[in-house]
């Protein structure tokens, strides 16, 4: 079974928890659409795989300097 981890461990990588959620959702969708995972793991669900990739630093989170209006 994959190691369980909380969102707080990953959230330290960015100031915005919303950017973290968007990045995980987009990467999860890409995995569902057929993109291979960046690393092998035991996770089965696409968003869990995306969160593991974020934790490992395989994905960088981009936060715009100005909010979208």
PDB file of N, CA and C in Angstrom:
ATOM      1  N   UNK A   1       0.846  -1.182   0.000  1.00  0.00           N
ATOM      2  CA  UNK A   1       0.000   0.000   0.000  1.00  0.00           C
ATOM      3  C   UNK A   1       0.885   1.237   0.000  1.00  0.00           C
ATOM      4  N   UNK A   2       0.467   2.277  -0.702  1.00  0.00           N
ATOM      5  CA  UNK A   2       1.285   3.479  -0.781  1.00  0.00           C
ATOM      6  C   UNK A   2       1.279   4.227   0.549  1.00  0.00           C
ATOM      7  N   UNK A   3       2.319   4.987   0.758  1.00  0.00           N
ATOM      8  CA  UNK A   3       2.454   5.756   1.979  1.00  0.00           C
ATOM      9  C   UNK A   3       1.395   6.858   2.007  1.00  0.00           C
ATOM     10  N   UNK A   4       0.696   6.976   3.085  1.00  0.00           N
ATOM     11  CA  UNK A   4      -0.313   8.023   3.228  1.00  0.00           C
ATOM     12  C   UNK A   4       0.382   9.319   3.613  1.00  0.00           C
ATOM     13  N   UNK A   5      -0.095  10.398   3.055  1.00  0.00           N
ATOM     14  CA  UNK A   5       0.475  11.684   3.407  1.00  0.00           C
ATOM     15  C   UNK A   5      -0.614  12.734   3.367  1.00  0.00           C
ATOM     16  N   UNK A   6      -0.435  13.751   4.172  1.00  0.00           N
ATOM     17  CA  UNK A   6      -1.411  14.818   4.236  1.00  0.00           C
ATOM     18  C   UNK A   6      -1.092  15.918   3.245  1.00  0.00           C
ATOM     19  N   UNK A   7      -2.079  16.702   2.992  1.00  0.00           N
ATOM     20  CA  UNK A   7      -1.934  17.826   2.075  1.00  0.00           C
ATOM     21  C   UNK A   7      -0.916  18.838   2.587  1.00  0.00           C
ATOM     22  N   UNK A   8      -0.760  18.924   3.901  1.00  0.00           N
ATOM     23  CA  UNK A   8       0.173  19.894   4.480  1.00  0.00           C
ATOM     24  C   UNK A   8       1.615  19.623   4.066  1.00  0.00           C
ATOM     25  N   UNK A   9       1.985  18.356   3.893  1.00  0.00           N
ATOM     26  CA  UNK A   9       3.345  18.038   3.471  1.00  0.00           C
ATOM     27  C   UNK A   9       3.623  18.590   2.082  1.00  0.00           C
ATOM     28  N   UNK A  10       2.629  18.545   1.226  1.00  0.00           N
ATOM     29  CA  UNK A  10       2.796  19.044  -0.138  1.00  0.00           C
ATOM     30  C   UNK A  10       2.589  20.550  -0.179  1.00  0.00           C
ATOM     31  N   UNK A  11       1.720  21.059   0.652  1.00  0.00           N
ATOM     32  CA  UNK A  11       1.380  22.485   0.630  1.00  0.00           C
ATOM     33  C   UNK A  11       2.578  23.371   0.960  1.00  0.00           C
ATOM     34  N   UNK A  12       3.577  22.843   1.608  1.00  0.00           N
ATOM     35  CA  UNK A  12       4.772  23.615   1.928  1.00  0.00           C
ATOM     36  C   UNK A  12       5.522  24.038   0.668  1.00  0.00           C
ATOM     37  N   UNK A  13       5.223  23.415  -0.467  1.00  0.00           N
ATOM     38  CA  UNK A  13       5.886  23.739  -1.722  1.00  0.00           C
ATOM     39  C   UNK A  13       5.352  25.014  -2.363  1.00  0.00           C
ATOM     40  N   UNK A  14       4.175  25.479  -1.939  1.00  0.00           N
ATOM     41  CA  UNK A  14       3.558  26.639  -2.560  1.00  0.00           C
ATOM     42  C   UNK A  14       2.792  27.456  -1.529  1.00  0.00           C
ATOM     43  N   UNK A  15       2.576  28.714  -1.837  1.00  0.00           N
ATOM     44  CA  UNK A  15       1.822  29.590  -0.951  1.00  0.00           C
ATOM     45  C   UNK A  15       0.319  29.392  -1.123  1.00  0.00           C
ATOM     46  N   UNK A  16      -0.092  28.877  -2.268  1.00  0.00           N
ATOM     47  CA  UNK A  16      -1.506  28.797  -2.600  1.00  0.00           C
ATOM     48  C   UNK A  16      -2.009  27.357  -2.599  1.00  0.00           C
ATOM     49  N   UNK A  17      -2.907  27.055  -1.679  1.00  0.00           N
ATOM     50  CA  UNK A  17      -3.480  25.711  -1.662  1.00  0.00           C
ATOM     51  C   UNK A  17      -4.380  25.503  -2.867  1.00  0.00           C
ATOM     52  N   UNK A  18      -4.924  26.583  -3.409  1.00  0.00           N
ATOM     53  CA  UNK A  18      -5.779  26.476  -4.588  1.00  0.00           C
ATOM     54  C   UNK A  18      -4.957  26.092  -5.818  1.00  0.00           C
ATOM     55  N   UNK A  19      -3.768  26.663  -5.947  1.00  0.00           N
ATOM     56  CA  UNK A  19      -2.880  26.307  -7.056  1.00  0.00           C
ATOM     57  C   UNK A  19      -2.465  24.838  -6.938  1.00  0.00           C
ATOM     58  N   UNK A  20      -2.277  24.366  -5.732  1.00  0.00           N
ATOM     59  CA  UNK A  20      -1.932  22.965  -5.495  1.00  0.00           C
ATOM     60  C   UNK A  20      -3.055  22.052  -5.959  1.00  0.00           C
ATOM     61  N   UNK A  21      -4.284  22.387  -5.610  1.00  0.00           N
ATOM     62  CA  UNK A  21      -5.433  21.568  -5.998  1.00  0.00           C
ATOM     63  C   UNK A  21      -5.613  21.571  -7.510  1.00  0.00           C
ATOM     64  N   UNK A  22      -5.451  22.730  -8.140  1.00  0.00           N
ATOM     65  CA  UNK A  22      -5.589  22.823  -9.602  1.00  0.00           C
ATOM     66  C   UNK A  22      -4.502  22.000 -10.281  1.00  0.00           C
ATOM     67  N   UNK A  23      -3.264  22.084  -9.789  1.00  0.00           N
ATOM     68  CA  UNK A  23      -2.163  21.326 -10.385  1.00  0.00           C
ATOM     69  C   UNK A  23      -2.414  19.823 -10.264  1.00  0.00           C
ATOM     70  N   UNK A  24      -2.874  19.372  -9.097  1.00  0.00           N
ATOM     71  CA  UNK A  24      -3.149  17.946  -8.900  1.00  0.00           C
ATOM     72  C   UNK A  24      -4.298  17.485  -9.792  1.00  0.00           C
ATOM     73  N   UNK A  25      -5.328  18.314  -9.919  1.00  0.00           N
ATOM     74  CA  UNK A  25      -6.472  17.953 -10.756  1.00  0.00           C
ATOM     75  C   UNK A  25      -6.085  17.881 -12.228  1.00  0.00           C
ATOM     76  N   UNK A  26      -5.305  18.861 -12.695  1.00  0.00           N
ATOM     77  CA  UNK A  26      -4.877  18.856 -14.104  1.00  0.00           C
ATOM     78  C   UNK A  26      -3.983  17.663 -14.411  1.00  0.00           C
ATOM     79  N   UNK A  27      -3.066  17.365 -13.508  1.00  0.00           N
ATOM     80  CA  UNK A  27      -2.173  16.224 -13.732  1.00  0.00           C
ATOM     81  C   UNK A  27      -2.957  14.911 -13.652  1.00  0.00           C
ATOM     82  N   UNK A  28      -3.898  14.823 -12.718  1.00  0.00           N
ATOM     83  CA  UNK A  28      -4.744  13.641 -12.627  1.00  0.00           C
ATOM     84  C   UNK A  28      -5.539  13.429 -13.906  1.00  0.00           C
ATOM     85  N   UNK A  29      -6.066  14.498 -14.473  1.00  0.00           N
ATOM     86  CA  UNK A  29      -6.816  14.406 -15.736  1.00  0.00           C
ATOM     87  C   UNK A  29      -5.901  13.956 -16.865  1.00  0.00           C
ATOM     88  N   UNK A  30      -4.671  14.476 -16.893  1.00  0.00           N
ATOM     89  CA  UNK A  30      -3.719  14.075 -17.929  1.00  0.00           C
ATOM     90  C   UNK A  30      -3.400  12.579 -17.826  1.00  0.00           C
ATOM     91  N   UNK A  31      -3.261  12.078 -16.608  1.00  0.00           N
ATOM     92  CA  UNK A  31      -2.996  10.656 -16.416  1.00  0.00           C
ATOM     93  C   UNK A  31      -4.202   9.835 -16.878  1.00  0.00           C
ATOM     94  N   UNK A  32      -5.399  10.307 -16.561  1.00  0.00           N
ATOM     95  CA  UNK A  32      -6.612   9.609 -17.008  1.00  0.00           C
ATOM     96  C   UNK A  32      -6.725   9.595 -18.525  1.00  0.00           C
ATOM     97  N   UNK A  33      -6.222  10.658 -19.164  1.00  0.00           N
ATOM     98  CA  UNK A  33      -6.280  10.759 -20.620  1.00  0.00           C
ATOM     99  C   UNK A  33      -5.171   9.983 -21.317  1.00  0.00           C
ATOM    100  N   UNK A  34      -4.313   9.298 -20.551  1.00  0.00           N
ATOM    101  CA  UNK A  34      -3.327   8.426 -21.172  1.00  0.00           C
ATOM    102  C   UNK A  34      -1.873   8.780 -20.969  1.00  0.00           C
ATOM    103  N   UNK A  35      -1.560   9.921 -20.362  1.00  0.00           N
ATOM    104  CA  UNK A  35      -0.155  10.252 -20.106  1.00  0.00           C
ATOM    105  C   UNK A  35       0.398   9.295 -19.045  1.00  0.00           C
ATOM    106  N   UNK A  36       1.599   8.806 -19.248  1.00  0.00           N
ATOM    107  CA  UNK A  36       2.163   7.892 -18.248  1.00  0.00           C
ATOM    108  C   UNK A  36       2.621   8.658 -17.007  1.00  0.00           C
ATOM    109  N   UNK A  37       2.573   8.024 -15.852  1.00  0.00           N
ATOM    110  CA  UNK A  37       3.085   8.658 -14.628  1.00  0.00           C
ATOM    111  C   UNK A  37       4.591   8.894 -14.738  1.00  0.00           C
ATOM    112  N   UNK A  38       5.094   9.893 -14.028  1.00  0.00           N
ATOM    113  CA  UNK A  38       6.517  10.218 -14.042  1.00  0.00           C
ATOM    114  C   UNK A  38       7.344   9.196 -13.276  1.00  0.00           C
ATOM    115  N   UNK A  39       6.731   8.520 -12.326  1.00  0.00           N
ATOM    116  CA  UNK A  39       7.453   7.520 -11.534  1.00  0.00           C
ATOM    117  C   UNK A  39       6.518   6.382 -11.196  1.00  0.00           C
ATOM    118  N   UNK A  40       7.108   5.237 -10.932  1.00  0.00           N
ATOM    119  CA  UNK A  40       6.326   4.065 -10.576  1.00  0.00           C
ATOM    120  C   UNK A  40       5.953   4.137  -9.099  1.00  0.00           C
ATOM    121  N   UNK A  41       4.753   3.768  -8.796  1.00  0.00           N
ATOM    122  CA  UNK A  41       4.288   3.758  -7.408  1.00  0.00           C
ATOM    123  C   UNK A  41       3.171   2.752  -7.262  1.00  0.00           C
ATOM    124  N   UNK A  42       2.665   2.667  -6.082  1.00  0.00           N
ATOM    125  CA  UNK A  42       1.610   1.709  -5.821  1.00  0.00           C
ATOM    126  C   UNK A  42       0.218   2.330  -5.911  1.00  0.00           C
ATOM    127  N   UNK A  43       0.148   3.635  -6.077  1.00  0.00           N
ATOM    128  CA  UNK A  43      -1.150   4.304  -6.142  1.00  0.00           C
ATOM    129  C   UNK A  43      -1.884   3.898  -7.414  1.00  0.00           C
ATOM    130  N   UNK A  44      -3.180   3.811  -7.313  1.00  0.00           N
ATOM    131  CA  UNK A  44      -4.005   3.408  -8.444  1.00  0.00           C
ATOM    132  C   UNK A  44      -4.829   4.571  -9.003  1.00  0.00           C
ATOM    133  N   UNK A  45      -5.200   5.506  -8.146  1.00  0.00           N
ATOM    134  CA  UNK A  45      -6.062   6.598  -8.569  1.00  0.00           C
ATOM    135  C   UNK A  45      -5.217   7.723  -9.160  1.00  0.00           C
ATOM    136  N   UNK A  46      -5.674   8.327 -10.267  1.00  0.00           N
ATOM    137  CA  UNK A  46      -4.885   9.355 -10.954  1.00  0.00           C
ATOM    138  C   UNK A  46      -4.528  10.562 -10.092  1.00  0.00           C
ATOM    139  N   UNK A  47      -5.450  11.045  -9.273  1.00  0.00           N
ATOM    140  CA  UNK A  47      -5.143  12.212  -8.446  1.00  0.00           C
ATOM    141  C   UNK A  47      -4.144  11.850  -7.354  1.00  0.00           C
ATOM    142  N   UNK A  48      -4.214  10.644  -6.828  1.00  0.00           N
ATOM    143  CA  UNK A  48      -3.237  10.199  -5.837  1.00  0.00           C
ATOM    144  C   UNK A  48      -1.853  10.096  -6.466  1.00  0.00           C
ATOM    145  N   UNK A  49      -1.794   9.606  -7.682  1.00  0.00           N
ATOM    146  CA  UNK A  49      -0.522   9.565  -8.411  1.00  0.00           C
ATOM    147  C   UNK A  49       0.013  10.983  -8.592  1.00  0.00           C
ATOM    148  N   UNK A  50      -0.871  11.913  -8.972  1.00  0.00           N
ATOM    149  CA  UNK A  50      -0.475  13.311  -9.166  1.00  0.00           C
ATOM    150  C   UNK A  50       0.042  13.914  -7.858  1.00  0.00           C
ATOM    151  N   UNK A  51      -0.612  13.620  -6.745  1.00  0.00           N
ATOM    152  CA  UNK A  51      -0.145  14.136  -5.452  1.00  0.00           C
ATOM    153  C   UNK A  51       1.211  13.551  -5.077  1.00  0.00           C
ATOM    154  N   UNK A  52       1.426  12.272  -5.386  1.00  0.00           N
ATOM    155  CA  UNK A  52       2.740  11.667  -5.131  1.00  0.00           C
ATOM    156  C   UNK A  52       3.812  12.336  -5.989  1.00  0.00           C
ATOM    157  N   UNK A  53       3.468  12.656  -7.239  1.00  0.00           N
ATOM    158  CA  UNK A  53       4.418  13.347  -8.121  1.00  0.00           C
ATOM    159  C   UNK A  53       4.713  14.752  -7.604  1.00  0.00           C
ATOM    160  N   UNK A  54       3.713  15.444  -7.093  1.00  0.00           N
ATOM    161  CA  UNK A  54       3.929  16.766  -6.509  1.00  0.00           C
ATOM    162  C   UNK A  54       4.841  16.669  -5.297  1.00  0.00           C
ATOM    163  N   UNK A  55       4.588  15.671  -4.450  1.00  0.00           N
ATOM    164  CA  UNK A  55       5.405  15.490  -3.250  1.00  0.00           C
ATOM    165  C   UNK A  55       6.860  15.205  -3.609  1.00  0.00           C
ATOM    166  N   UNK A  56       7.069  14.427  -4.675  1.00  0.00           N
ATOM    167  CA  UNK A  56       8.426  14.062  -5.096  1.00  0.00           C
ATOM    168  C   UNK A  56       9.128  15.191  -5.848  1.00  0.00           C
ATOM    169  N   UNK A  57       8.379  16.228  -6.234  1.00  0.00           N
ATOM    170  CA  UNK A  57       8.987  17.345  -6.956  1.00  0.00           C
ATOM    171  C   UNK A  57       9.019  17.160  -8.460  1.00  0.00           C
ATOM    172  N   UNK A  58       8.281  16.168  -8.969  1.00  0.00           N
ATOM    173  CA  UNK A  58       8.235  15.933 -10.414  1.00  0.00           C
ATOM    174  C   UNK A  58       7.401  16.988 -11.126  1.00  0.00           C
ATOM    175  N   UNK A  59       6.507  17.629 -10.403  1.00  0.00           N
ATOM    176  CA  UNK A  59       5.637  18.659 -10.970  1.00  0.00           C
ATOM    177  C   UNK A  59       5.889  19.955 -10.215  1.00  0.00           C
ATOM    178  N   UNK A  60       6.026  21.028 -10.927  1.00  0.00           N
ATOM    179  CA  UNK A  60       6.191  22.342 -10.320  1.00  0.00           C
ATOM    180  C   UNK A  60       4.859  23.080 -10.373  1.00  0.00           C
ATOM    181  N   UNK A  61       4.531  23.762  -9.300  1.00  0.00           N
ATOM    182  CA  UNK A  61       3.278  24.505  -9.222  1.00  0.00           C
ATOM    183  C   UNK A  61       3.550  25.951  -9.574  1.00  0.00           C
ATOM    184  N   UNK A  62       2.800  26.443 -10.558  1.00  0.00           N
ATOM    185  CA  UNK A  62       2.955  27.827 -10.991  1.00  0.00           C
ATOM    186  C   UNK A  62       1.803  28.643 -10.416  1.00  0.00           C
ATOM    187  N   UNK A  63       2.155  29.724  -9.732  1.00  0.00           N
ATOM    188  CA  UNK A  63       1.161  30.625  -9.174  1.00  0.00           C
ATOM    189  C   UNK A  63       1.324  31.972  -9.868  1.00  0.00           C
ATOM    190  N   UNK A  64       0.266  32.468 -10.538  1.00  0.00           N
ATOM    191  CA  UNK A  64       0.377  33.754 -11.214  1.00  0.00           C
ATOM    192  C   UNK A  64       0.647  34.878 -10.209  1.00  0.00           C
ATOM    193  N   UNK A  65       1.399  35.878 -10.635  1.00  0.00           N
ATOM    194  CA  UNK A  65       1.747  36.970  -9.742  1.00  0.00           C
ATOM    195  C   UNK A  65       0.540  37.852  -9.422  1.00  0.00           C
ATOM    196  N   UNK A  66      -0.429  37.881 -10.318  1.00  0.00           N
ATOM    197  CA  UNK A  66      -1.636  38.678 -10.127  1.00  0.00           C
ATOM    198  C   UNK A  66      -2.841  37.754 -10.281  1.00  0.00           C
ATOM    199  N   UNK A  67      -3.835  37.931  -9.432  1.00  0.00           N
ATOM    200  CA  UNK A  67      -5.015  37.104  -9.522  1.00  0.00           C
ATOM    201  C   UNK A  67      -5.760  37.291 -10.822  1.00  0.00           C
ATOM    202  N   UNK A  68      -6.519  36.300 -11.202  1.00  0.00           N
ATOM    203  CA  UNK A  68      -7.311  36.359 -12.431  1.00  0.00           C
ATOM    204  C   UNK A  68      -8.587  37.116 -12.124  1.00  0.00           C
ATOM    205  N   UNK A  69      -8.887  38.091 -12.953  1.00  0.00           N
ATOM    206  CA  UNK A  69     -10.089  38.905 -12.748  1.00  0.00           C
ATOM    207  C   UNK A  69     -10.913  38.932 -13.983  1.00  0.00           C
TER     208      UNK A  69
END
